[in-house]
N, C-alpha and C. Protein backbone atom coordinates (compact mmCIF):
# COMPACT_ATOMS: atom_id res chain seq x y z
N UNK A 1 -27.54 -2.37 -20.53
CA UNK A 1 -25.29 -2.51 -20.72
C UNK A 1 -25.91 -1.82 -21.33
N UNK A 2 -24.85 -0.32 -21.23
CA UNK A 2 -24.56 0.63 -22.02
C UNK A 2 -22.39 0.29 -21.99
N UNK A 3 -22.54 1.07 -23.56
CA UNK A 3 -21.35 0.88 -23.93
C UNK A 3 -20.70 2.30 -24.32
N UNK A 4 -19.50 1.36 -24.08
CA UNK A 4 -18.22 3.59 -23.88
C UNK A 4 -17.92 3.31 -23.98
N UNK A 5 -16.95 3.66 -25.29
CA UNK A 5 -15.61 3.65 -26.26
C UNK A 5 -15.85 2.40 -26.59
N UNK A 6 -16.87 1.57 -27.08
CA UNK A 6 -17.14 0.18 -27.52
C UNK A 6 -16.69 -0.49 -26.53
N UNK A 7 -17.11 -0.82 -25.28
CA UNK A 7 -16.64 -1.54 -23.97
C UNK A 7 -17.84 -1.30 -23.07
N UNK A 8 -18.82 -2.32 -23.36
CA UNK A 8 -19.44 -2.77 -22.22
C UNK A 8 -19.21 -2.85 -21.31
N UNK A 9 -19.95 -2.49 -20.27
CA UNK A 9 -19.90 -2.71 -19.07
C UNK A 9 -19.62 -3.47 -18.22
N UNK A 10 -19.81 -4.66 -18.63
CA UNK A 10 -20.24 -5.99 -17.84
C UNK A 10 -18.48 -6.16 -18.41
N UNK A 11 -18.09 -5.47 -19.24
CA UNK A 11 -16.51 -6.39 -18.91
C UNK A 11 -15.66 -5.17 -18.94
N UNK A 12 -15.84 -4.59 -18.44
CA UNK A 12 -14.87 -3.36 -17.06
C UNK A 12 -13.90 -4.13 -16.04
N UNK A 13 -13.78 -4.22 -15.80
CA UNK A 13 -12.77 -4.39 -14.62
C UNK A 13 -13.85 -3.75 -13.42
N UNK A 14 -14.10 -2.49 -13.28
CA UNK A 14 -15.16 -2.69 -12.36
C UNK A 14 -16.41 -3.23 -11.73
N UNK A 15 -16.57 -4.37 -12.54
CA UNK A 15 -17.93 -5.06 -12.10
C UNK A 15 -17.42 -7.06 -12.21
N UNK A 16 -16.28 -6.91 -12.27
CA UNK A 16 -14.88 -8.29 -11.92
C UNK A 16 -14.54 -8.56 -11.10
N UNK A 17 -13.56 -7.15 -10.99
CA UNK A 17 -12.53 -7.27 -9.86
C UNK A 17 -13.21 -7.15 -8.56
N UNK A 18 -14.91 -7.02 -8.77
CA UNK A 18 -14.63 -7.37 -6.56
C UNK A 18 -13.67 -8.38 -5.74
N UNK A 19 -13.44 -8.42 -4.92
CA UNK A 19 -12.63 -9.23 -3.89
C UNK A 19 -13.57 -9.50 -2.89
N UNK A 20 -13.10 -10.81 -2.94
CA UNK A 20 -13.79 -11.70 -1.62
C UNK A 20 -13.55 -11.22 -0.23
N UNK A 21 -14.06 -12.07 0.90
CA UNK A 21 -13.61 -11.76 1.83
C UNK A 21 -11.97 -12.82 1.46
N UNK A 22 -12.29 -13.82 0.98
CA UNK A 22 -11.26 -14.64 1.27
C UNK A 22 -9.40 -14.10 0.58
N UNK A 23 -10.55 -13.55 -0.54
CA UNK A 23 -9.28 -13.45 -1.98
C UNK A 23 -8.59 -11.78 -0.84
N UNK A 24 -9.69 -11.31 -0.07
CA UNK A 24 -8.34 -10.21 0.81
C UNK A 24 -7.30 -10.32 1.35
N UNK A 25 -7.71 -11.66 2.42
CA UNK A 25 -7.22 -12.36 3.61
C UNK A 25 -5.62 -12.58 3.11
N UNK A 26 -5.56 -13.04 1.65
CA UNK A 26 -4.27 -14.11 1.12
C UNK A 26 -2.76 -12.80 1.72
N UNK A 27 -1.83 -13.59 1.37
CA UNK A 27 -0.92 -12.23 1.84
C UNK A 27 -0.67 -11.97 -0.04
N UNK A 28 -0.26 -10.52 0.58
CA UNK A 28 -0.04 -10.00 -1.06
C UNK A 28 -1.42 -8.90 -1.94
N UNK A 29 -2.31 -10.05 -0.77
CA UNK A 29 -3.56 -9.40 -1.30
C UNK A 29 -3.69 -7.68 -1.80
N UNK A 30 -3.24 -6.61 -1.67
CA UNK A 30 -3.26 -5.53 -0.91
C UNK A 30 -2.43 -4.85 -2.78
N UNK A 31 -1.45 -5.93 -2.82
CA UNK A 31 -0.72 -5.13 -4.85
C UNK A 31 -1.87 -5.34 -5.18
N UNK A 32 -2.76 -6.58 -5.13
CA UNK A 32 -3.86 -6.71 -6.48
C UNK A 32 -4.69 -5.46 -5.97
N UNK A 33 -5.06 -5.62 -5.35
CA UNK A 33 -6.37 -4.25 -4.18
C UNK A 33 -6.08 -2.83 -5.12
N UNK A 34 -4.44 -3.01 -4.99
CA UNK A 34 -4.17 -1.81 -5.89
C UNK A 34 -3.71 -1.39 -7.85
N UNK A 35 -3.58 -2.65 -7.70
CA UNK A 35 -3.84 -2.47 -9.09
C UNK A 35 -5.11 -2.49 -9.91
N UNK A 36 -5.95 -3.52 -9.43
CA UNK A 36 -6.93 -3.44 -9.87
C UNK A 36 -8.10 -1.67 -9.86
N UNK A 37 -7.46 -1.41 -8.91
CA UNK A 37 -8.49 0.15 -8.04
C UNK A 37 -7.81 1.14 -9.36
N UNK A 38 -6.28 0.36 -9.86
CA UNK A 38 -5.93 1.64 -10.69
C UNK A 38 -6.23 1.45 -12.41
N UNK A 39 -6.62 0.18 -12.13
CA UNK A 39 -6.93 0.00 -14.01
C UNK A 39 -8.55 -0.16 -13.56
N UNK A 40 -9.10 0.47 -12.66
CA UNK A 40 -10.79 0.81 -12.40
C UNK A 40 -10.78 2.50 -12.61
N UNK A 41 -9.93 3.01 -12.37
CA UNK A 41 -9.57 4.37 -12.80
C UNK A 41 -9.28 4.96 -14.01
N UNK A 42 -8.21 3.78 -14.32
CA UNK A 42 -7.67 4.43 -16.00
C UNK A 42 -8.45 3.52 -17.04
N UNK A 43 -9.80 2.91 -16.37
CA UNK A 43 -11.26 2.52 -17.01
C UNK A 43 -10.21 1.42 -18.70
N UNK A 44 -9.69 0.87 -17.68
CA UNK A 44 -8.93 -0.40 -18.46
C UNK A 44 -9.86 -2.23 -18.05
N UNK A 45 -9.72 -2.61 -19.16
CA UNK A 45 -9.77 -4.38 -18.59
C UNK A 45 -8.80 -5.01 -18.58
N UNK A 46 -8.94 -6.04 -18.11
CA UNK A 46 -8.80 -6.91 -17.09
C UNK A 46 -6.75 -7.71 -18.34
N UNK A 47 -7.85 -7.81 -19.62
CA UNK A 47 -6.39 -7.73 -20.37
C UNK A 47 -5.65 -6.40 -20.23
N UNK A 48 -5.82 -5.29 -20.46
CA UNK A 48 -4.63 -4.48 -20.85
C UNK A 48 -4.33 -4.30 -19.16
N UNK A 49 -4.19 -4.46 -18.33
CA UNK A 49 -3.89 -4.20 -17.13
C UNK A 49 -2.86 -5.82 -17.02
N UNK A 50 -3.00 -7.15 -17.35
CA UNK A 50 -2.08 -7.96 -17.84
C UNK A 50 -1.21 -7.39 -18.78
N UNK A 51 -1.37 -6.99 -20.10
CA UNK A 51 -0.77 -6.14 -21.05
C UNK A 51 0.55 -5.39 -20.02
N UNK A 52 -0.19 -4.67 -19.83
CA UNK A 52 1.02 -2.94 -18.81
C UNK A 52 1.47 -3.74 -17.63
N UNK A 53 1.22 -5.33 -17.45
CA UNK A 53 2.33 -6.03 -16.40
C UNK A 53 3.07 -6.91 -16.78
N UNK A 54 2.92 -6.92 -18.00
CA UNK A 54 3.86 -8.40 -19.01
C UNK A 54 3.34 -8.93 -18.66
N UNK A 55 2.40 -9.95 -17.96
CA UNK A 55 1.77 -10.94 -17.99
C UNK A 55 0.89 -10.82 -18.67
N UNK A 56 -0.03 -12.84 -18.81
CA UNK A 56 -0.98 -12.65 -19.75
C UNK A 56 -2.88 -12.77 -18.72
N UNK A 57 -3.31 -12.70 -19.40
CA UNK A 57 -4.22 -12.03 -18.41
C UNK A 57 -5.00 -13.91 -17.55
N UNK A 58 -4.19 -14.31 -18.27
CA UNK A 58 -4.84 -16.29 -17.39
C UNK A 58 -3.67 -16.20 -15.66
N UNK A 59 -2.79 -15.29 -16.84
CA UNK A 59 -1.75 -15.41 -15.29
C UNK A 59 -2.35 -14.79 -14.23
N UNK A 60 -2.81 -13.44 -14.31
CA UNK A 60 -3.08 -12.37 -13.80
C UNK A 60 -4.83 -12.97 -12.62
N UNK A 61 -5.90 -13.95 -13.68
CA UNK A 61 -6.63 -14.18 -12.60
C UNK A 61 -6.52 -15.64 -11.96
N UNK A 62 -4.95 -16.16 -12.83
CA UNK A 62 -4.68 -16.42 -10.98
C UNK A 62 -4.30 -16.14 -9.83
N UNK A 63 -3.66 -15.10 -10.11
CA UNK A 63 -2.98 -14.49 -8.78
C UNK A 63 -4.54 -14.35 -7.96
N UNK A 64 -5.39 -13.92 -8.77
CA UNK A 64 -6.48 -13.32 -8.06
C UNK A 64 -7.88 -14.36 -7.54
N UNK A 65 -7.32 -15.41 -7.78
CA UNK A 65 -8.68 -16.85 -7.56
C UNK A 65 -7.33 -17.54 -6.75
N UNK A 66 -5.82 -17.40 -6.45
CA UNK A 66 -5.28 -17.57 -5.24
C UNK A 66 -4.00 -18.72 -5.93
N UNK A 67 -4.41 -19.44 -7.15
CA UNK A 67 -3.92 -20.56 -8.22
C UNK A 67 -2.37 -20.24 -7.57
N UNK A 68 -2.41 -18.47 -7.13
CA UNK A 68 -0.58 -18.69 -7.76
C UNK A 68 -0.43 -17.54 -6.56
N UNK A 69 0.60 -17.59 -6.21
CA UNK A 69 0.86 -16.54 -4.86
C UNK A 69 1.19 -15.32 -5.69
N UNK A 70 0.45 -14.52 -4.77
CA UNK A 70 0.70 -13.12 -4.82
C UNK A 70 2.76 -12.80 -4.87
N UNK A 71 2.46 -13.34 -3.60
CA UNK A 71 3.77 -12.68 -2.72
C UNK A 71 5.53 -13.66 -3.74
N UNK A 72 5.02 -14.56 -4.60
CA UNK A 72 5.92 -15.20 -5.03
C UNK A 72 6.41 -14.40 -6.45
N UNK A 73 5.07 -13.54 -6.72
CA UNK A 73 5.81 -12.70 -8.58
C UNK A 73 6.62 -12.50 -8.17
N UNK A 74 7.52 -12.66 -9.70
CA UNK A 74 8.66 -12.77 -9.79
C UNK A 74 8.99 -11.06 -9.64
N UNK A 75 10.94 -10.27 -10.16
CA UNK A 75 10.99 -9.33 -10.46
C UNK A 75 10.42 -8.04 -10.68
N UNK A 76 10.25 -9.06 -11.54
CA UNK A 76 10.04 -8.06 -13.03
C UNK A 76 8.45 -7.91 -13.19
N UNK A 77 7.61 -8.21 -12.46
CA UNK A 77 6.07 -7.69 -12.46
C UNK A 77 6.65 -7.29 -11.74
N UNK A 78 6.76 -7.13 -10.07
CA UNK A 78 6.49 -5.69 -8.98
C UNK A 78 7.33 -4.12 -9.53
N UNK A 79 8.45 -4.79 -10.60
CA UNK A 79 8.70 -3.58 -11.44
C UNK A 79 7.38 -3.46 -11.32
N UNK A 80 6.90 -3.49 -12.58
CA UNK A 80 5.68 -3.37 -13.92
C UNK A 80 4.92 -2.37 -12.70
N UNK A 81 4.63 -3.57 -11.89
CA UNK A 81 3.31 -3.11 -11.24
C UNK A 81 4.11 -1.42 -10.55
N UNK A 82 4.87 -1.44 -9.97
CA UNK A 82 5.50 0.41 -9.74
C UNK A 82 5.34 1.23 -10.26
N UNK A 83 5.79 0.32 -12.15
CA UNK A 83 5.73 1.14 -13.07
C UNK A 83 4.09 2.24 -13.27
N UNK A 84 3.11 0.89 -12.95
CA UNK A 84 1.56 1.06 -13.80
C UNK A 84 1.49 1.79 -12.80
N UNK A 85 0.97 1.77 -11.36
CA UNK A 85 0.72 2.02 -10.19
C UNK A 85 1.33 4.02 -9.61
N UNK A 86 2.51 3.98 -11.03
CA UNK A 86 3.66 5.00 -10.64
C UNK A 86 4.14 4.83 -9.12
N UNK A 87 4.39 4.43 -8.14
CA UNK A 87 4.65 4.48 -6.60
C UNK A 87 5.95 3.79 -6.88
N UNK A 88 6.47 4.51 -5.99
CA UNK A 88 7.89 3.79 -5.29
C UNK A 88 7.75 1.71 -5.17
N UNK A 89 9.32 0.93 -5.73
CA UNK A 89 8.92 0.12 -5.78
C UNK A 89 8.42 -0.51 -4.08
N UNK A 90 9.58 0.12 -3.48
CA UNK A 90 8.75 -0.44 -2.34
C UNK A 90 7.53 -0.44 -1.99
N UNK A 91 7.01 0.33 -2.46
CA UNK A 91 5.12 0.25 -1.35
C UNK A 91 4.94 -1.02 -1.94
N UNK A 92 5.24 -1.14 -3.23
CA UNK A 92 4.84 -2.65 -4.12
C UNK A 92 5.10 -2.91 -3.17
N UNK A 93 6.27 -3.89 -3.18
CA UNK A 93 7.25 -4.42 -2.07
C UNK A 93 6.42 -5.05 -0.68
N UNK A 94 5.74 -3.43 0.05
CA UNK A 94 4.97 -3.47 0.84
C UNK A 94 4.20 -4.20 0.74
N UNK A 95 2.80 -3.58 -0.99
CA UNK A 95 1.59 -4.44 -0.57
C UNK A 95 1.90 -5.78 -0.64
N UNK A 96 2.88 -6.39 -2.29
CA UNK A 96 2.65 -7.99 -2.53
C UNK A 96 3.13 -8.16 -0.96
N UNK A 97 3.85 -8.25 0.17
CA UNK A 97 4.27 -9.07 1.58
C UNK A 97 5.36 -9.58 1.31
N UNK A 98 6.39 -9.08 -0.04
CA UNK A 98 7.38 -9.50 0.82
C UNK A 98 8.54 -8.58 1.86
N UNK A 99 8.39 -7.16 1.95
CA UNK A 99 8.64 -6.95 3.35
C UNK A 99 7.39 -6.15 4.68
N UNK A 100 8.12 -6.41 5.28
CA UNK A 100 7.04 -6.33 6.35
C UNK A 100 7.82 -4.44 7.57
N UNK A 101 6.35 -4.57 7.57
CA UNK A 101 7.09 -2.49 8.43
C UNK A 101 8.23 -2.82 9.55
N UNK A 102 7.69 -4.31 10.03
CA UNK A 102 9.03 -4.47 10.62
C UNK A 102 10.43 -4.63 10.34
N UNK A 103 10.37 -4.62 9.45
CA UNK A 103 11.58 -4.76 8.20
C UNK A 103 12.58 -3.53 9.27
N UNK A 104 11.39 -2.50 8.85
CA UNK A 104 12.21 -0.84 8.57
C UNK A 104 13.25 -0.42 10.39
N UNK A 105 13.24 -1.70 11.31
CA UNK A 105 13.24 -1.52 12.30
C UNK A 105 14.51 -2.14 12.90
N UNK A 106 15.48 -1.63 13.72
CA UNK A 106 16.56 -3.33 13.81
C UNK A 106 16.68 -4.48 13.87
N UNK A 107 16.26 -4.88 13.67
CA UNK A 107 16.20 -6.57 14.65
C UNK A 107 16.21 -6.37 15.60
N UNK A 108 17.02 -6.36 16.89
CA UNK A 108 17.47 -6.88 17.66
C UNK A 108 16.70 -6.10 19.14
N UNK A 109 16.58 -5.00 18.63
CA UNK A 109 15.76 -4.14 19.52
C UNK A 109 14.98 -4.07 19.06
N UNK A 110 13.94 -4.19 17.93
CA UNK A 110 12.29 -3.82 17.82
C UNK A 110 11.51 -4.73 19.48
N UNK A 111 12.00 -6.37 18.77
CA UNK A 111 11.01 -6.93 19.29
C UNK A 111 10.62 -6.59 20.79
N UNK A 112 11.67 -6.27 21.82
CA UNK A 112 11.80 -6.08 23.30
C UNK A 112 11.46 -4.76 23.79
N UNK A 113 11.74 -3.62 22.62
CA UNK A 113 10.65 -2.77 22.74
C UNK A 113 8.66 -2.82 22.42
N UNK A 114 8.46 -3.25 21.67
CA UNK A 114 6.73 -3.80 20.88
C UNK A 114 5.68 -3.14 22.62
N UNK A 115 6.46 -4.81 23.41
CA UNK A 115 4.87 -4.47 24.69
C UNK A 115 5.36 -3.58 25.73
N UNK A 116 6.66 -3.24 25.82
CA UNK A 116 6.36 -1.48 26.18
C UNK A 116 5.98 -0.58 25.86
N UNK A 117 5.51 -0.29 24.38
CA UNK A 117 5.42 0.81 24.28
C UNK A 117 4.35 0.41 23.99
N UNK A 118 3.85 -0.47 23.47
CA UNK A 118 2.38 -0.86 23.57
C UNK A 118 1.55 -0.54 25.41
N UNK A 119 1.98 -0.74 26.04
CA UNK A 119 1.79 -0.46 27.67
C UNK A 119 2.24 0.72 27.56
N UNK A 120 2.53 1.89 27.14
CA UNK A 120 3.10 3.10 27.46
C UNK A 120 1.59 3.40 26.90
N UNK A 121 1.18 3.17 25.60
CA UNK A 121 -0.13 4.04 24.68
C UNK A 121 -1.21 3.64 25.57
N UNK A 122 -1.21 1.80 26.12
CA UNK A 122 -2.66 2.00 26.93
C UNK A 122 -2.95 2.72 28.05
N UNK A 123 -1.66 3.22 28.45
CA UNK A 123 -1.57 4.16 29.89
C UNK A 123 -1.47 5.70 29.74
N UNK A 124 -1.65 5.63 28.76
CA UNK A 124 -1.93 7.00 28.29
C UNK A 124 -3.81 7.77 28.29
N UNK A 125 -3.87 8.91 29.17
CA UNK A 125 -5.06 9.14 29.40
C UNK A 125 -5.82 9.49 28.57
N UNK A 126 -5.44 9.95 27.20
CA UNK A 126 -6.20 9.91 26.20
C UNK A 126 -6.49 8.58 25.24
N UNK A 127 -5.94 8.36 24.64
CA UNK A 127 -5.99 7.67 23.93
C UNK A 127 -5.57 5.95 24.23
N UNK A 128 -4.88 5.59 25.16
CA UNK A 128 -5.30 4.06 25.84
C UNK A 128 -6.39 3.76 26.28
N UNK A 129 -7.57 4.74 26.55
CA UNK A 129 -8.34 4.05 26.95
C UNK A 129 -9.74 3.60 25.76
N UNK A 130 -9.41 4.11 24.37
CA UNK A 130 -10.11 2.93 23.06
C UNK A 130 -9.11 1.60 22.27
N UNK A 131 -7.89 1.75 23.19
CA UNK A 131 -7.27 0.63 22.71
C UNK A 131 -7.69 -0.41 22.90
N UNK A 132 -7.82 -1.59 22.22
CA UNK A 132 -8.60 -2.98 22.73
C UNK A 132 -6.94 -3.92 23.82
N UNK A 133 -7.68 -4.57 24.30
CA UNK A 133 -6.19 -5.17 24.77
C UNK A 133 -6.04 -5.76 24.01
N UNK A 134 -7.22 -6.34 23.45
CA UNK A 134 -6.40 -7.81 21.67
C UNK A 134 -4.95 -6.74 21.40
N UNK A 135 -4.66 -6.09 21.15
CA UNK A 135 -3.63 -5.61 20.46
C UNK A 135 -2.34 -6.64 21.10
N UNK A 136 -2.72 -6.54 22.30
CA UNK A 136 -1.05 -6.93 23.03
C UNK A 136 -0.72 -8.95 22.52
N UNK A 137 -1.62 -9.19 21.88
CA UNK A 137 -1.64 -10.57 20.96
C UNK A 137 -1.96 -10.54 19.67
N UNK A 138 -1.92 -9.14 19.45
CA UNK A 138 -2.41 -8.65 17.38
C UNK A 138 -0.47 -9.72 16.66
N UNK A 139 -1.21 -9.75 15.87
CA UNK A 139 -0.08 -9.57 14.71
C UNK A 139 1.49 -8.65 14.62
N UNK A 140 2.54 -9.07 15.17
CA UNK A 140 3.41 -7.85 14.99
C UNK A 140 3.54 -6.71 14.40
N UNK A 141 2.93 -7.07 12.81
CA UNK A 141 2.98 -5.74 11.87
C UNK A 141 1.94 -5.11 12.13
N UNK A 142 0.88 -5.40 12.76
CA UNK A 142 -0.55 -5.24 13.14
C UNK A 142 0.33 -4.30 15.02
N UNK A 143 0.64 -4.30 15.53
CA UNK A 143 0.90 -3.78 16.57
C UNK A 143 1.77 -2.61 16.29
N UNK A 144 3.28 -3.12 15.12
CA UNK A 144 3.93 -1.85 15.11
C UNK A 144 2.96 -0.84 13.95
N UNK A 145 2.18 -1.16 13.67
CA UNK A 145 0.86 -0.14 12.59
C UNK A 145 0.51 1.02 14.28
N UNK A 146 0.19 0.31 14.81
CA UNK A 146 -0.06 0.94 15.61
C UNK A 146 0.38 1.63 16.94
N UNK A 147 1.43 1.33 16.97
CA UNK A 147 2.14 2.44 17.66
C UNK A 147 2.71 3.37 16.93
N UNK A 148 3.84 3.56 15.50
CA UNK A 148 3.56 4.07 14.61
C UNK A 148 2.23 5.03 14.09
N UNK A 149 1.47 4.81 14.53
CA UNK A 149 1.09 6.36 14.14
C UNK A 149 0.60 6.75 15.93
N UNK A 150 0.45 6.07 16.81
CA UNK A 150 0.80 6.88 17.89
C UNK A 150 1.97 7.69 18.12
N UNK A 151 2.95 7.22 17.47
CA UNK A 151 3.87 7.75 17.39
C UNK A 151 3.95 9.36 16.77
N UNK A 152 2.95 9.16 15.72
CA UNK A 152 2.64 10.11 14.90
C UNK A 152 2.22 11.66 15.53
N UNK A 153 0.56 10.89 16.23
CA UNK A 153 0.25 11.54 16.15
C UNK A 153 0.42 12.48 17.64
N UNK A 154 1.20 11.83 18.22
CA UNK A 154 2.09 12.61 20.15
C UNK A 154 2.75 12.99 19.47
N UNK A 155 4.09 12.58 18.43
CA UNK A 155 5.46 13.32 18.50
C UNK A 155 6.59 12.20 19.46
N UNK A 156 6.09 11.27 19.57
CA UNK A 156 6.66 11.11 20.92
C UNK A 156 7.40 9.23 20.03
N UNK A 157 8.71 9.11 20.56
CA UNK A 157 9.47 8.01 19.94
C UNK A 157 9.98 7.03 20.45
N UNK A 158 8.92 6.16 20.72
CA UNK A 158 8.65 4.56 21.41
C UNK A 158 9.54 3.16 20.86
N UNK A 159 10.30 3.58 19.77
CA UNK A 159 10.58 2.15 18.99
C UNK A 159 12.36 2.12 19.35
N UNK A 160 12.42 4.26 19.12
CA UNK A 160 13.71 4.52 18.51
C UNK A 160 13.62 4.85 16.92
N UNK A 161 15.10 4.90 16.23
CA UNK A 161 15.08 5.54 15.80
C UNK A 161 14.70 3.98 14.15
N UNK A 162 13.65 4.05 13.62
CA UNK A 162 13.68 3.44 12.21
C UNK A 162 14.24 4.22 11.11
N UNK A 163 13.43 3.33 9.85
CA UNK A 163 14.10 3.96 8.59
C UNK A 163 13.87 5.51 8.30
N UNK A 164 14.20 6.12 8.16
CA UNK A 164 13.11 7.28 7.61
C UNK A 164 11.72 7.32 6.68
N UNK A 165 11.04 7.02 6.62
CA UNK A 165 10.39 6.75 5.66
C UNK A 165 10.58 7.53 4.23
N UNK A 166 10.54 9.03 4.27
CA UNK A 166 10.62 9.68 3.23
C UNK A 166 12.54 9.83 2.49
N UNK A 167 13.64 9.57 2.88
CA UNK A 167 14.38 9.12 1.70
C UNK A 167 14.47 7.48 1.05
N UNK A 168 13.36 6.47 2.02
CA UNK A 168 13.09 5.44 1.32
C UNK A 168 11.98 5.84 0.08
N UNK A 169 11.39 6.57 0.87
CA UNK A 169 10.36 7.39 -0.74
C UNK A 169 11.88 7.61 -2.02
N UNK A 170 12.12 8.83 -1.54
CA UNK A 170 13.20 10.04 -2.03
C UNK A 170 13.86 8.06 -3.02
N UNK A 171 14.43 7.50 -2.27
CA UNK A 171 15.39 6.01 -3.00
C UNK A 171 14.51 5.63 -3.85
N UNK A 172 13.05 5.16 -3.80
CA UNK A 172 12.82 4.73 -4.78
C UNK A 172 11.84 5.19 -6.07
N UNK A 173 12.16 6.40 -5.58
CA UNK A 173 11.30 7.17 -6.95
C UNK A 173 12.63 7.45 -8.10
N UNK A 174 13.53 7.75 -7.24
CA UNK A 174 14.69 7.17 -8.47
C UNK A 174 14.73 6.30 -9.08
N UNK A 175 15.17 4.74 -8.25
CA UNK A 175 14.91 3.43 -8.48
C UNK A 175 13.62 3.67 -9.72
N UNK A 176 12.43 3.83 -9.48
CA UNK A 176 11.49 3.84 -10.75
C UNK A 176 11.83 4.81 -11.92
N UNK A 177 12.24 5.70 -11.38
CA UNK A 177 13.08 7.16 -12.98
C UNK A 177 13.63 6.42 -13.83
N UNK A 178 15.16 5.13 -12.78
CA UNK A 178 15.79 5.06 -13.89
C UNK A 178 15.21 4.03 -14.49
N UNK A 179 14.69 3.33 -13.99
CA UNK A 179 13.69 1.81 -14.56
C UNK A 179 13.28 3.02 -16.40
N UNK A 180 12.49 4.13 -15.79
CA UNK A 180 11.91 4.44 -17.12
C UNK A 180 13.24 5.24 -18.12
N UNK A 181 13.78 5.25 -17.48
CA UNK A 181 14.79 5.66 -18.53
C UNK A 181 15.64 4.44 -19.90
C-alpha cells in the first residue's frame, strides 16, 4: 500500500470504482462511468468528486449502488457534471439517459425508416454480411446507432436529416461557457 500525496492507493477511486455488470446495465450508468473515469484521471477521491458535483459522498454512493437512479438526478447535478467533465451538457444528458439518439430525428418519420434502412445495410455486399440478424429486434437506440455508423462510413443518408451534431455541440459548448461566467 503506497502513499502518494498523503493518499493511500486503496483510498483512490480507481480501486473502488470498478462497476460490475449489474451497475453498468442501469439506465444512465454511462454518466457514472464518465464521472468515475474523469475522477481517476484527475487522481481524485470519491469525496472530492462528490464535492465537485455539489452532492455528498453518500449521495454519490447511492447513485452507484442503484438506490438512487442516475436518470432522476437534478438539473443542477447534470450541469455540474458537464462542467466537471468539460463536455457539452448535451453529452451529459445522453449519458444520463435523459435523451436518446432517436430524439435527434423527427418523430413522425424515424420509426417508419428504421427497418428499410436496416434491410438496405443488410443487402450491402461488403458490410451487410457482418450485420447480425438480431439487429432487427434490437432496441431502437442500438438500431439507430448502427444506421448512424453506416451512414458515416458510406456517406449515405438512410434516415433523412437528423439534427446537425456539430451545431448542437457548439450550442452546448456556449451554454457551458455561460454557466462558467
